[in-house]
Amino acid sequence: MKEKILYSISMLGFLMIAGAMVVPLVQGPYYTGEWYKYLYAAGAALMLTGSLFSPYKGKDMRLKRLFRLQSMSSIMFCVAAAFLFWPSATMRDWIAITLAGAIVRAYTNFAIVARQRKIASDNK
């Protein structure tokens, strides 16, 4: 039950980050609202909370590394949120870090599922 709640928190954070990324890209350079920064930062904090409090407790070292890498992607989102509030940072700084974190997150999501299936098939 706890894992499902933490997974839901993490996915809610991911959706908040995705929504916050769309706002400045759609509005263009003349957009003056700054609320998307706070939405992004809250989403990054939720993702970090979800991934840090749900570590892998099994014995497979590869899965343990994949879960740790997934936590690192959440840290990358938090670094990108810090760049949002940094006065001299440009838009490309936080977008580049966000895209890197998203690529790592996508890789680990697929790799974790594949590894869990392999372990389940080996145990049969």
PDB file of N, CA and C in Angstrom:
ATOM      1  N   MET A   1       0.820  -1.187   0.000  1.00  0.00           N
ATOM      2  CA  MET A   1       0.000   0.000   0.000  1.00  0.00           C
ATOM      3  C   MET A   1       0.867   1.254   0.000  1.00  0.00           C
ATOM      4  N   LYS A   2       1.916   1.246   0.810  1.00  0.00           N
ATOM      5  CA  LYS A   2       2.809   2.394   0.888  1.00  0.00           C
ATOM      6  C   LYS A   2       3.501   2.638  -0.450  1.00  0.00           C
ATOM      7  N   GLU A   3       3.876   1.562  -1.131  1.00  0.00           N
ATOM      8  CA  GLU A   3       4.557   1.700  -2.422  1.00  0.00           C
ATOM      9  C   GLU A   3       3.641   2.323  -3.461  1.00  0.00           C
ATOM     10  N   LYS A   4       2.355   1.950  -3.434  1.00  0.00           N
ATOM     11  CA  LYS A   4       1.402   2.512  -4.385  1.00  0.00           C
ATOM     12  C   LYS A   4       1.206   4.003  -4.157  1.00  0.00           C
ATOM     13  N   ILE A   5       1.161   4.409  -2.899  1.00  0.00           N
ATOM     14  CA  ILE A   5       1.005   5.827  -2.585  1.00  0.00           C
ATOM     15  C   ILE A   5       2.228   6.601  -3.035  1.00  0.00           C
ATOM     16  N   LEU A   6       3.412   6.071  -2.761  1.00  0.00           N
ATOM     17  CA  LEU A   6       4.631   6.752  -3.174  1.00  0.00           C
ATOM     18  C   LEU A   6       4.763   6.805  -4.693  1.00  0.00           C
ATOM     19  N   TYR A   7       4.346   5.743  -5.373  1.00  0.00           N
ATOM     20  CA  TYR A   7       4.360   5.741  -6.830  1.00  0.00           C
ATOM     21  C   TYR A   7       3.385   6.782  -7.376  1.00  0.00           C
ATOM     22  N   SER A   8       2.215   6.899  -6.750  1.00  0.00           N
ATOM     23  CA  SER A   8       1.237   7.903  -7.176  1.00  0.00           C
ATOM     24  C   SER A   8       1.755   9.315  -6.955  1.00  0.00           C
ATOM     25  N   ILE A   9       2.431   9.533  -5.843  1.00  0.00           N
ATOM     26  CA  ILE A   9       3.029  10.841  -5.567  1.00  0.00           C
ATOM     27  C   ILE A   9       4.075  11.169  -6.615  1.00  0.00           C
ATOM     28  N   SER A  10       4.889  10.191  -6.950  1.00  0.00           N
ATOM     29  CA  SER A  10       5.932  10.394  -7.953  1.00  0.00           C
ATOM     30  C   SER A  10       5.336  10.702  -9.322  1.00  0.00           C
ATOM     31  N   MET A  11       4.292   9.998  -9.702  1.00  0.00           N
ATOM     32  CA  MET A  11       3.651  10.246 -10.997  1.00  0.00           C
ATOM     33  C   MET A  11       2.947  11.598 -11.025  1.00  0.00           C
ATOM     34  N   LEU A  12       2.354  12.009  -9.908  1.00  0.00           N
ATOM     35  CA  LEU A  12       1.746  13.336  -9.830  1.00  0.00           C
ATOM     36  C   LEU A  12       2.818  14.415 -10.010  1.00  0.00           C
ATOM     37  N   GLY A  13       3.968  14.211  -9.395  1.00  0.00           N
ATOM     38  CA  GLY A  13       5.081  15.143  -9.577  1.00  0.00           C
ATOM     39  C   GLY A  13       5.546  15.206 -11.014  1.00  0.00           C
ATOM     40  N   PHE A  14       5.584  14.046 -11.669  1.00  0.00           N
ATOM     41  CA  PHE A  14       5.999  14.010 -13.069  1.00  0.00           C
ATOM     42  C   PHE A  14       5.006  14.765 -13.950  1.00  0.00           C
ATOM     43  N   LEU A  15       3.716  14.614 -13.680  1.00  0.00           N
ATOM     44  CA  LEU A  15       2.702  15.345 -14.439  1.00  0.00           C
ATOM     45  C   LEU A  15       2.791  16.853 -14.183  1.00  0.00           C
ATOM     46  N   MET A  16       3.100  17.228 -12.950  1.00  0.00           N
ATOM     47  CA  MET A  16       3.259  18.652 -12.643  1.00  0.00           C
ATOM     48  C   MET A  16       4.451  19.233 -13.392  1.00  0.00           C
ATOM     49  N   ILE A  17       5.536  18.482 -13.472  1.00  0.00           N
ATOM     50  CA  ILE A  17       6.712  18.935 -14.211  1.00  0.00           C
ATOM     51  C   ILE A  17       6.385  19.076 -15.694  1.00  0.00           C
ATOM     52  N   ALA A  18       5.682  18.097 -16.234  1.00  0.00           N
ATOM     53  CA  ALA A  18       5.310  18.152 -17.654  1.00  0.00           C
ATOM     54  C   ALA A  18       4.417  19.355 -17.934  1.00  0.00           C
ATOM     55  N   GLY A  19       3.460  19.606 -17.061  1.00  0.00           N
ATOM     56  CA  GLY A  19       2.590  20.769 -17.232  1.00  0.00           C
ATOM     57  C   GLY A  19       3.345  22.080 -17.126  1.00  0.00           C
ATOM     58  N   ALA A  20       4.292  22.139 -16.194  1.00  0.00           N
ATOM     59  CA  ALA A  20       5.081  23.365 -16.028  1.00  0.00           C
ATOM     60  C   ALA A  20       6.013  23.597 -17.204  1.00  0.00           C
ATOM     61  N   MET A  21       6.436  22.541 -17.864  1.00  0.00           N
ATOM     62  CA  MET A  21       7.303  22.721 -19.039  1.00  0.00           C
ATOM     63  C   MET A  21       6.534  23.235 -20.243  1.00  0.00           C
ATOM     64  N   VAL A  22       5.286  22.868 -20.342  1.00  0.00           N
ATOM     65  CA  VAL A  22       4.486  23.266 -21.504  1.00  0.00           C
ATOM     66  C   VAL A  22       4.166  24.759 -21.471  1.00  0.00           C
ATOM     67  N   VAL A  23       3.945  25.316 -20.299  1.00  0.00           N
ATOM     68  CA  VAL A  23       3.496  26.708 -20.188  1.00  0.00           C
ATOM     69  C   VAL A  23       4.435  27.695 -20.869  1.00  0.00           C
ATOM     70  N   PRO A  24       5.734  27.754 -20.549  1.00  0.00           N
ATOM     71  CA  PRO A  24       6.572  28.759 -21.219  1.00  0.00           C
ATOM     72  C   PRO A  24       6.821  28.454 -22.692  1.00  0.00           C
ATOM     73  N   LEU A  25       6.744  27.195 -23.071  1.00  0.00           N
ATOM     74  CA  LEU A  25       6.966  26.859 -24.471  1.00  0.00           C
ATOM     75  C   LEU A  25       5.781  27.271 -25.341  1.00  0.00           C
ATOM     76  N   VAL A  26       4.578  27.185 -24.794  1.00  0.00           N
ATOM     77  CA  VAL A  26       3.379  27.547 -25.540  1.00  0.00           C
ATOM     78  C   VAL A  26       3.173  29.065 -25.557  1.00  0.00           C
ATOM     79  N   GLN A  27       3.451  29.705 -24.450  1.00  0.00           N
ATOM     80  CA  GLN A  27       3.180  31.139 -24.331  1.00  0.00           C
ATOM     81  C   GLN A  27       4.156  32.007 -25.113  1.00  0.00           C
ATOM     82  N   GLY A  28       5.357  31.536 -25.320  1.00  0.00           N
ATOM     83  CA  GLY A  28       6.329  32.309 -26.087  1.00  0.00           C
ATOM     84  C   GLY A  28       7.115  33.284 -25.222  1.00  0.00           C
ATOM     85  N   PRO A  29       7.904  34.127 -25.852  1.00  0.00           N
ATOM     86  CA  PRO A  29       8.799  35.012 -25.097  1.00  0.00           C
ATOM     87  C   PRO A  29       8.099  36.174 -24.415  1.00  0.00           C
ATOM     88  N   TYR A  30       6.846  36.429 -24.714  1.00  0.00           N
ATOM     89  CA  TYR A  30       6.161  37.587 -24.146  1.00  0.00           C
ATOM     90  C   TYR A  30       5.337  37.248 -22.917  1.00  0.00           C
ATOM     91  N   TYR A  31       5.447  36.027 -22.457  1.00  0.00           N
ATOM     92  CA  TYR A  31       4.693  35.595 -21.283  1.00  0.00           C
ATOM     93  C   TYR A  31       5.351  36.150 -20.033  1.00  0.00           C
ATOM     94  N   THR A  32       4.568  36.789 -19.179  1.00  0.00           N
ATOM     95  CA  THR A  32       5.136  37.422 -17.990  1.00  0.00           C
ATOM     96  C   THR A  32       4.828  36.668 -16.700  1.00  0.00           C
ATOM     97  N   GLY A  33       3.977  35.675 -16.747  1.00  0.00           N
ATOM     98  CA  GLY A  33       3.641  34.918 -15.540  1.00  0.00           C
ATOM     99  C   GLY A  33       4.797  34.030 -15.106  1.00  0.00           C
ATOM    100  N   GLU A  34       4.974  33.922 -13.816  1.00  0.00           N
ATOM    101  CA  GLU A  34       6.077  33.132 -13.270  1.00  0.00           C
ATOM    102  C   GLU A  34       5.580  31.971 -12.416  1.00  0.00           C
ATOM    103  N   TRP A  35       4.298  31.656 -12.459  1.00  0.00           N
ATOM    104  CA  TRP A  35       3.754  30.629 -11.578  1.00  0.00           C
ATOM    105  C   TRP A  35       4.210  29.234 -11.963  1.00  0.00           C
ATOM    106  N   TYR A  36       4.603  29.029 -13.219  1.00  0.00           N
ATOM    107  CA  TYR A  36       5.021  27.697 -13.650  1.00  0.00           C
ATOM    108  C   TYR A  36       6.286  27.244 -12.930  1.00  0.00           C
ATOM    109  N   LYS A  37       7.100  28.188 -12.478  1.00  0.00           N
ATOM    110  CA  LYS A  37       8.317  27.831 -11.737  1.00  0.00           C
ATOM    111  C   LYS A  37       7.960  27.101 -10.444  1.00  0.00           C
ATOM    112  N   TYR A  38       6.947  27.597  -9.771  1.00  0.00           N
ATOM    113  CA  TYR A  38       6.536  26.987  -8.507  1.00  0.00           C
ATOM    114  C   TYR A  38       5.873  25.629  -8.735  1.00  0.00           C
ATOM    115  N   LEU A  39       5.127  25.504  -9.821  1.00  0.00           N
ATOM    116  CA  LEU A  39       4.536  24.218 -10.173  1.00  0.00           C
ATOM    117  C   LEU A  39       5.633  23.200 -10.472  1.00  0.00           C
ATOM    118  N   TYR A  40       6.653  23.625 -11.223  1.00  0.00           N
ATOM    119  CA  TYR A  40       7.769  22.738 -11.549  1.00  0.00           C
ATOM    120  C   TYR A  40       8.510  22.324 -10.280  1.00  0.00           C
ATOM    121  N   ALA A  41       8.799  23.284  -9.410  1.00  0.00           N
ATOM    122  CA  ALA A  41       9.536  22.978  -8.181  1.00  0.00           C
ATOM    123  C   ALA A  41       8.746  22.035  -7.275  1.00  0.00           C
ATOM    124  N   ALA A  42       7.432  22.238  -7.187  1.00  0.00           N
ATOM    125  CA  ALA A  42       6.603  21.342  -6.378  1.00  0.00           C
ATOM    126  C   ALA A  42       6.583  19.936  -6.981  1.00  0.00           C
ATOM    127  N   GLY A  43       6.510  19.847  -8.305  1.00  0.00           N
ATOM    128  CA  GLY A  43       6.550  18.546  -8.962  1.00  0.00           C
ATOM    129  C   GLY A  43       7.873  17.839  -8.754  1.00  0.00           C
ATOM    130  N   ALA A  44       8.971  18.587  -8.824  1.00  0.00           N
ATOM    131  CA  ALA A  44      10.292  17.997  -8.591  1.00  0.00           C
ATOM    132  C   ALA A  44      10.419  17.500  -7.150  1.00  0.00           C
ATOM    133  N   ALA A  45       9.874  18.267  -6.211  1.00  0.00           N
ATOM    134  CA  ALA A  45       9.924  17.842  -4.805  1.00  0.00           C
ATOM    135  C   ALA A  45       9.090  16.584  -4.585  1.00  0.00           C
ATOM    136  N   LEU A  46       7.933  16.505  -5.237  1.00  0.00           N
ATOM    137  CA  LEU A  46       7.107  15.302  -5.106  1.00  0.00           C
ATOM    138  C   LEU A  46       7.801  14.088  -5.715  1.00  0.00           C
ATOM    139  N   MET A  47       8.439  14.276  -6.864  1.00  0.00           N
ATOM    140  CA  MET A  47       9.163  13.152  -7.482  1.00  0.00           C
ATOM    141  C   MET A  47      10.306  12.685  -6.594  1.00  0.00           C
ATOM    142  N   LEU A  48      11.025  13.640  -6.031  1.00  0.00           N
ATOM    143  CA  LEU A  48      12.137  13.286  -5.148  1.00  0.00           C
ATOM    144  C   LEU A  48      11.627  12.549  -3.906  1.00  0.00           C
ATOM    145  N   THR A  49      10.538  13.020  -3.344  1.00  0.00           N
ATOM    146  CA  THR A  49       9.949  12.356  -2.178  1.00  0.00           C
ATOM    147  C   THR A  49       9.525  10.929  -2.518  1.00  0.00           C
ATOM    148  N   GLY A  50       8.869  10.781  -3.652  1.00  0.00           N
ATOM    149  CA  GLY A  50       8.408   9.453  -4.054  1.00  0.00           C
ATOM    150  C   GLY A  50       9.533   8.477  -4.320  1.00  0.00           C
ATOM    151  N   SER A  51      10.623   8.956  -4.900  1.00  0.00           N
ATOM    152  CA  SER A  51      11.707   8.035  -5.235  1.00  0.00           C
ATOM    153  C   SER A  51      12.655   7.771  -4.062  1.00  0.00           C
ATOM    154  N   LEU A  52      12.823   8.730  -3.174  1.00  0.00           N
ATOM    155  CA  LEU A  52      13.727   8.515  -2.050  1.00  0.00           C
ATOM    156  C   LEU A  52      13.127   7.620  -0.964  1.00  0.00           C
ATOM    157  N   PHE A  53      11.806   7.681  -0.812  1.00  0.00           N
ATOM    158  CA  PHE A  53      11.175   6.887   0.236  1.00  0.00           C
ATOM    159  C   PHE A  53      10.678   5.535  -0.255  1.00  0.00           C
ATOM    160  N   SER A  54      11.002   5.177  -1.485  1.00  0.00           N
ATOM    161  CA  SER A  54      10.644   3.838  -1.971  1.00  0.00           C
ATOM    162  C   SER A  54      11.866   3.162  -2.589  1.00  0.00           C
ATOM    163  N   PRO A  55      12.894   2.901  -1.785  1.00  0.00           N
ATOM    164  CA  PRO A  55      14.079   2.240  -2.335  1.00  0.00           C
ATOM    165  C   PRO A  55      13.827   0.757  -2.570  1.00  0.00           C
ATOM    166  N   TYR A  56      14.678   0.162  -3.368  1.00  0.00           N
ATOM    167  CA  TYR A  56      14.577  -1.263  -3.656  1.00  0.00           C
ATOM    168  C   TYR A  56      15.153  -2.038  -2.475  1.00  0.00           C
ATOM    169  N   LYS A  57      14.409  -3.002  -1.988  1.00  0.00           N
ATOM    170  CA  LYS A  57      14.828  -3.761  -0.810  1.00  0.00           C
ATOM    171  C   LYS A  57      15.213  -5.196  -1.135  1.00  0.00           C
ATOM    172  N   GLY A  58      15.297  -5.526  -2.406  1.00  0.00           N
ATOM    173  CA  GLY A  58      15.626  -6.889  -2.801  1.00  0.00           C
ATOM    174  C   GLY A  58      17.126  -7.144  -2.813  1.00  0.00           C
ATOM    175  N   LYS A  59      17.496  -8.302  -3.372  1.00  0.00           N
ATOM    176  CA  LYS A  59      18.894  -8.708  -3.381  1.00  0.00           C
ATOM    177  C   LYS A  59      19.568  -8.535  -4.739  1.00  0.00           C
ATOM    178  N   ASP A  60      18.814  -8.220  -5.772  1.00  0.00           N
ATOM    179  CA  ASP A  60      19.387  -8.090  -7.110  1.00  0.00           C
ATOM    180  C   ASP A  60      20.116  -6.749  -7.224  1.00  0.00           C
ATOM    181  N   MET A  61      21.408  -6.802  -7.463  1.00  0.00           N
ATOM    182  CA  MET A  61      22.214  -5.582  -7.511  1.00  0.00           C
ATOM    183  C   MET A  61      21.885  -4.712  -8.719  1.00  0.00           C
ATOM    184  N   ARG A  62      21.535  -5.332  -9.844  1.00  0.00           N
ATOM    185  CA  ARG A  62      21.199  -4.551 -11.032  1.00  0.00           C
ATOM    186  C   ARG A  62      19.929  -3.728 -10.800  1.00  0.00           C
ATOM    187  N   LEU A  63      18.944  -4.342 -10.160  1.00  0.00           N
ATOM    188  CA  LEU A  63      17.724  -3.591  -9.853  1.00  0.00           C
ATOM    189  C   LEU A  63      17.995  -2.488  -8.840  1.00  0.00           C
ATOM    190  N   LYS A  64      18.864  -2.776  -7.903  1.00  0.00           N
ATOM    191  CA  LYS A  64      19.213  -1.761  -6.905  1.00  0.00           C
ATOM    192  C   LYS A  64      19.852  -0.552  -7.578  1.00  0.00           C
ATOM    193  N   ARG A  65      20.739  -0.800  -8.543  1.00  0.00           N
ATOM    194  CA  ARG A  65      21.376   0.295  -9.280  1.00  0.00           C
ATOM    195  C   ARG A  65      20.372   1.060 -10.129  1.00  0.00           C
ATOM    196  N   LEU A  66      19.436   0.343 -10.725  1.00  0.00           N
ATOM    197  CA  LEU A  66      18.421   1.011 -11.541  1.00  0.00           C
ATOM    198  C   LEU A  66      17.522   1.913 -10.694  1.00  0.00           C
ATOM    199  N   PHE A  67      17.147   1.448  -9.525  1.00  0.00           N
ATOM    200  CA  PHE A  67      16.335   2.285  -8.641  1.00  0.00           C
ATOM    201  C   PHE A  67      17.135   3.494  -8.150  1.00  0.00           C
ATOM    202  N   ARG A  68      18.416   3.302  -7.900  1.00  0.00           N
ATOM    203  CA  ARG A  68      19.255   4.429  -7.500  1.00  0.00           C
ATOM    204  C   ARG A  68      19.396   5.439  -8.632  1.00  0.00           C
ATOM    205  N   LEU A  69      19.526   4.945  -9.859  1.00  0.00           N
ATOM    206  CA  LEU A  69      19.600   5.834 -11.021  1.00  0.00           C
ATOM    207  C   LEU A  69      18.288   6.594 -11.205  1.00  0.00           C
ATOM    208  N   GLN A  70      17.182   5.938 -10.901  1.00  0.00           N
ATOM    209  CA  GLN A  70      15.893   6.609 -10.974  1.00  0.00           C
ATOM    210  C   GLN A  70      15.816   7.736  -9.940  1.00  0.00           C
ATOM    211  N   SER A  71      16.379   7.527  -8.779  1.00  0.00           N
ATOM    212  CA  SER A  71      16.434   8.587  -7.771  1.00  0.00           C
ATOM    213  C   SER A  71      17.318   9.738  -8.238  1.00  0.00           C
ATOM    214  N   MET A  72      18.380   9.408  -8.950  1.00  0.00           N
ATOM    215  CA  MET A  72      19.247  10.464  -9.486  1.00  0.00           C
ATOM    216  C   MET A  72      18.518  11.320 -10.512  1.00  0.00           C
ATOM    217  N   SER A  73      17.611  10.722 -11.271  1.00  0.00           N
ATOM    218  CA  SER A  73      16.849  11.523 -12.225  1.00  0.00           C
ATOM    219  C   SER A  73      15.945  12.506 -11.489  1.00  0.00           C
ATOM    220  N   SER A  74      15.424  12.110 -10.341  1.00  0.00           N
ATOM    221  CA  SER A  74      14.619  13.034  -9.541  1.00  0.00           C
ATOM    222  C   SER A  74      15.469  14.178  -9.006  1.00  0.00           C
ATOM    223  N   ILE A  75      16.704  13.872  -8.663  1.00  0.00           N
ATOM    224  CA  ILE A  75      17.617  14.933  -8.223  1.00  0.00           C
ATOM    225  C   ILE A  75      17.921  15.880  -9.376  1.00  0.00           C
ATOM    226  N   MET A  76      18.010  15.334 -10.584  1.00  0.00           N
ATOM    227  CA  MET A  76      18.236  16.197 -11.751  1.00  0.00           C
ATOM    228  C   MET A  76      17.071  17.165 -11.947  1.00  0.00           C
ATOM    229  N   PHE A  77      15.848  16.711 -11.694  1.00  0.00           N
ATOM    230  CA  PHE A  77      14.700  17.605 -11.797  1.00  0.00           C
ATOM    231  C   PHE A  77      14.761  18.705 -10.739  1.00  0.00           C
ATOM    232  N   CYS A  78      15.258  18.376  -9.555  1.00  0.00           N
ATOM    233  CA  CYS A  78      15.408  19.390  -8.512  1.00  0.00           C
ATOM    234  C   CYS A  78      16.478  20.410  -8.882  1.00  0.00           C
ATOM    235  N   VAL A  79      17.543  19.961  -9.515  1.00  0.00           N
ATOM    236  CA  VAL A  79      18.584  20.893  -9.987  1.00  0.00           C
ATOM    237  C   VAL A  79      18.006  21.806 -11.067  1.00  0.00           C
ATOM    238  N   ALA A  80      17.198  21.253 -11.944  1.00  0.00           N
ATOM    239  CA  ALA A  80      16.558  22.074 -12.977  1.00  0.00           C
ATOM    240  C   ALA A  80      15.627  23.103 -12.343  1.00  0.00           C
ATOM    241  N   ALA A  81      14.931  22.714 -11.269  1.00  0.00           N
ATOM    242  CA  ALA A  81      14.076  23.669 -10.558  1.00  0.00           C
ATOM    243  C   ALA A  81      14.904  24.793  -9.947  1.00  0.00           C
ATOM    244  N   ALA A  82      16.087  24.469  -9.472  1.00  0.00           N
ATOM    245  CA  ALA A  82      16.965  25.515  -8.936  1.00  0.00           C
ATOM    246  C   ALA A  82      17.384  26.481 -10.040  1.00  0.00           C
ATOM    247  N   PHE A  83      17.625  25.965 -11.243  1.00  0.00           N
ATOM    248  CA  PHE A  83      17.974  26.834 -12.364  1.00  0.00           C
ATOM    249  C   PHE A  83      16.812  27.731 -12.772  1.00  0.00           C
ATOM    250  N   LEU A  84      15.596  27.315 -12.509  1.00  0.00           N
ATOM    251  CA  LEU A  84      14.447  28.176 -12.803  1.00  0.00           C
ATOM    252  C   LEU A  84      14.481  29.449 -11.970  1.00  0.00           C
ATOM    253  N   PHE A  85      14.952  29.336 -10.757  1.00  0.00           N
ATOM    254  CA  PHE A  85      14.971  30.487  -9.861  1.00  0.00           C
ATOM    255  C   PHE A  85      16.309  31.233  -9.866  1.00  0.00           C
ATOM    256  N   TRP A  86      17.297  30.693 -10.546  1.00  0.00           N
ATOM    257  CA  TRP A  86      18.597  31.345 -10.635  1.00  0.00           C
ATOM    258  C   TRP A  86      18.470  32.576 -11.544  1.00  0.00           C
ATOM    259  N   PRO A  87      18.889  33.755 -11.090  1.00  0.00           N
ATOM    260  CA  PRO A  87      18.630  34.976 -11.864  1.00  0.00           C
ATOM    261  C   PRO A  87      19.318  35.022 -13.239  1.00  0.00           C
ATOM    262  N   SER A  88      20.516  34.491 -13.345  1.00  0.00           N
ATOM    263  CA  SER A  88      21.231  34.611 -14.618  1.00  0.00           C
ATOM    264  C   SER A  88      21.075  33.389 -15.521  1.00  0.00           C
ATOM    265  N   ALA A  89      20.267  32.424 -15.106  1.00  0.00           N
ATOM    266  CA  ALA A  89      20.068  31.217 -15.916  1.00  0.00           C
ATOM    267  C   ALA A  89      19.094  31.508 -17.052  1.00  0.00           C
ATOM    268  N   THR A  90      19.306  30.822 -18.158  1.00  0.00           N
ATOM    269  CA  THR A  90      18.405  30.977 -19.298  1.00  0.00           C
ATOM    270  C   THR A  90      17.454  29.787 -19.371  1.00  0.00           C
ATOM    271  N   MET A  91      16.535  29.863 -20.293  1.00  0.00           N
ATOM    272  CA  MET A  91      15.544  28.804 -20.434  1.00  0.00           C
ATOM    273  C   MET A  91      16.182  27.490 -20.862  1.00  0.00           C
ATOM    274  N   ARG A  92      17.232  27.575 -21.656  1.00  0.00           N
ATOM    275  CA  ARG A  92      17.847  26.335 -22.143  1.00  0.00           C
ATOM    276  C   ARG A  92      18.532  25.549 -21.035  1.00  0.00           C
ATOM    277  N   ASP A  93      18.941  26.225 -19.959  1.00  0.00           N
ATOM    278  CA  ASP A  93      19.600  25.521 -18.851  1.00  0.00           C
ATOM    279  C   ASP A  93      18.662  24.520 -18.193  1.00  0.00           C
ATOM    280  N   TRP A  94      17.505  24.978 -17.757  1.00  0.00           N
ATOM    281  CA  TRP A  94      16.613  24.077 -17.048  1.00  0.00           C
ATOM    282  C   TRP A  94      15.927  23.097 -17.988  1.00  0.00           C
ATOM    283  N   ILE A  95      15.735  23.479 -19.234  1.00  0.00           N
ATOM    284  CA  ILE A  95      15.136  22.542 -20.189  1.00  0.00           C
ATOM    285  C   ILE A  95      16.110  21.405 -20.501  1.00  0.00           C
ATOM    286  N   ALA A  96      17.388  21.725 -20.645  1.00  0.00           N
ATOM    287  CA  ALA A  96      18.385  20.686 -20.937  1.00  0.00           C
ATOM    288  C   ALA A  96      18.490  19.690 -19.786  1.00  0.00           C
ATOM    289  N   ILE A  97      18.501  20.175 -18.579  1.00  0.00           N
ATOM    290  CA  ILE A  97      18.598  19.280 -17.428  1.00  0.00           C
ATOM    291  C   ILE A  97      17.313  18.458 -17.278  1.00  0.00           C
ATOM    292  N   THR A  98      16.184  19.081 -17.551  1.00  0.00           N
ATOM    293  CA  THR A  98      14.916  18.360 -17.495  1.00  0.00           C
ATOM    294  C   THR A  98      14.874  17.247 -18.532  1.00  0.00           C
ATOM    295  N   LEU A  99      15.314  17.527 -19.738  1.00  0.00           N
ATOM    296  CA  LEU A  99      15.316  16.500 -20.772  1.00  0.00           C
ATOM    297  C   LEU A  99      16.273  15.362 -20.430  1.00  0.00           C
ATOM    298  N   ALA A 100      17.422  15.696 -19.863  1.00  0.00           N
ATOM    299  CA  ALA A 100      18.360  14.648 -19.440  1.00  0.00           C
ATOM    300  C   ALA A 100      17.734  13.783 -18.348  1.00  0.00           C
ATOM    301  N   GLY A 101      17.078  14.408 -17.380  1.00  0.00           N
ATOM    302  CA  GLY A 101      16.409  13.652 -16.324  1.00  0.00           C
ATOM    303  C   GLY A 101      15.275  12.796 -16.859  1.00  0.00           C
ATOM    304  N   ALA A 102      14.548  13.310 -17.854  1.00  0.00           N
ATOM    305  CA  ALA A 102      13.451  12.546 -18.440  1.00  0.00           C
ATOM    306  C   ALA A 102      13.967  11.337 -19.221  1.00  0.00           C
ATOM    307  N   ILE A 103      15.087  11.501 -19.906  1.00  0.00           N
ATOM    308  CA  ILE A 103      15.666  10.373 -20.639  1.00  0.00           C
ATOM    309  C   ILE A 103      16.132   9.288 -19.673  1.00  0.00           C
ATOM    310  N   VAL A 104      16.776   9.699 -18.597  1.00  0.00           N
ATOM    311  CA  VAL A 104      17.226   8.728 -17.587  1.00  0.00           C
ATOM    312  C   VAL A 104      16.021   8.042 -16.951  1.00  0.00           C
ATOM    313  N   ARG A 105      14.981   8.814 -16.669  1.00  0.00           N
ATOM    314  CA  ARG A 105      13.775   8.257 -16.052  1.00  0.00           C
ATOM    315  C   ARG A 105      13.084   7.257 -16.987  1.00  0.00           C
ATOM    316  N   ALA A 106      13.007   7.598 -18.265  1.00  0.00           N
ATOM    317  CA  ALA A 106      12.383   6.687 -19.232  1.00  0.00           C
ATOM    318  C   ALA A 106      13.184   5.395 -19.360  1.00  0.00           C
ATOM    319  N   TYR A 107      14.504   5.516 -19.422  1.00  0.00           N
ATOM    320  CA  TYR A 107      15.348   4.320 -19.506  1.00  0.00           C
ATOM    321  C   TYR A 107      15.159   3.425 -18.295  1.00  0.00           C
ATOM    322  N   THR A 108      15.187   4.018 -17.105  1.00  0.00           N
ATOM    323  CA  THR A 108      15.071   3.192 -15.898  1.00  0.00           C
ATOM    324  C   THR A 108      13.691   2.570 -15.774  1.00  0.00           C
ATOM    325  N   ASN A 109      12.653   3.273 -16.209  1.00  0.00           N
ATOM    326  CA  ASN A 109      11.314   2.675 -16.148  1.00  0.00           C
ATOM    327  C   ASN A 109      11.232   1.416 -16.995  1.00  0.00           C
ATOM    328  N   PHE A 110      11.767   1.459 -18.206  1.00  0.00           N
ATOM    329  CA  PHE A 110      11.744   0.280 -19.057  1.00  0.00           C
ATOM    330  C   PHE A 110      12.705  -0.799 -18.562  1.00  0.00           C
ATOM    331  N   ALA A 111      13.874  -0.392 -18.102  1.00  0.00           N
ATOM    332  CA  ALA A 111      14.869  -1.367 -17.654  1.00  0.00           C
ATOM    333  C   ALA A 111      14.435  -2.074 -16.373  1.00  0.00           C
ATOM    334  N   ILE A 112      13.774  -1.373 -15.475  1.00  0.00           N
ATOM    335  CA  ILE A 112      13.312  -1.990 -14.231  1.00  0.00           C
ATOM    336  C   ILE A 112      12.260  -3.050 -14.523  1.00  0.00           C
ATOM    337  N   VAL A 113      11.320  -2.727 -15.384  1.00  0.00           N
ATOM    338  CA  VAL A 113      10.279  -3.696 -15.735  1.00  0.00           C
ATOM    339  C   VAL A 113      10.887  -4.921 -16.419  1.00  0.00           C
ATOM    340  N   ALA A 114      11.817  -4.693 -17.349  1.00  0.00           N
ATOM    341  CA  ALA A 114      12.451  -5.810 -18.049  1.00  0.00           C
ATOM    342  C   ALA A 114      13.234  -6.690 -17.080  1.00  0.00           C
ATOM    343  N   ARG A 115      13.953  -6.075 -16.157  1.00  0.00           N
ATOM    344  CA  ARG A 115      14.735  -6.848 -15.193  1.00  0.00           C
ATOM    345  C   ARG A 115      13.832  -7.629 -14.241  1.00  0.00           C
ATOM    346  N   GLN A 116      12.744  -7.031 -13.808  1.00  0.00           N
ATOM    347  CA  GLN A 116      11.816  -7.734 -12.928  1.00  0.00           C
ATOM    348  C   GLN A 116      11.179  -8.923 -13.640  1.00  0.00           C
ATOM    349  N   ARG A 117      10.866  -8.780 -14.915  1.00  0.00           N
ATOM    350  CA  ARG A 117      10.328  -9.909 -15.680  1.00  0.00           C
ATOM    351  C   ARG A 117      11.351 -11.024 -15.812  1.00  0.00           C
ATOM    352  N   LYS A 118      12.612 -10.636 -16.032  1.00  0.00           N
ATOM    353  CA  LYS A 118      13.664 -11.641 -16.168  1.00  0.00           C
ATOM    354  C   LYS A 118      13.854 -12.397 -14.853  1.00  0.00           C
ATOM    355  N   ILE A 119      13.837 -11.687 -13.752  1.00  0.00           N
ATOM    356  CA  ILE A 119      13.987 -12.338 -12.455  1.00  0.00           C
ATOM    357  C   ILE A 119      12.805 -13.259 -12.188  1.00  0.00           C
ATOM    358  N   ALA A 120      11.598 -12.809 -12.537  1.00  0.00           N
ATOM    359  CA  ALA A 120      10.407 -13.638 -12.326  1.00  0.00           C
ATOM    360  C   ALA A 120      10.444 -14.896 -13.201  1.00  0.00           C
ATOM    361  N   SER A 121      10.934 -14.772 -14.415  1.00  0.00           N
ATOM    362  CA  SER A 121      11.005 -15.952 -15.282  1.00  0.00           C
ATOM    363  C   SER A 121      12.113 -16.911 -14.853  1.00  0.00           C
ATOM    364  N   ASP A 122      13.190 -16.407 -14.277  1.00  0.00           N
ATOM    365  CA  ASP A 122      14.266 -17.265 -13.792  1.00  0.00           C
ATOM    366  C   ASP A 122      13.851 -18.026 -12.536  1.00  0.00           C
ATOM    367  N   ASN A 123      12.951 -17.450 -11.750  1.00  0.00           N
ATOM    368  CA  ASN A 123      12.515 -18.095 -10.508  1.00  0.00           C
ATOM    369  C   ASN A 123      11.453 -19.157 -10.730  1.00  0.00           C
ATOM    370  N   LYS A 124      10.903 -19.267 -11.910  1.00  0.00           N
ATOM    371  CA  LYS A 124       9.852 -20.266 -12.177  1.00  0.00           C
ATOM    372  C   LYS A 124      10.419 -21.640 -12.307  1.00  0.00           C
TER     373      LYS A 124
END
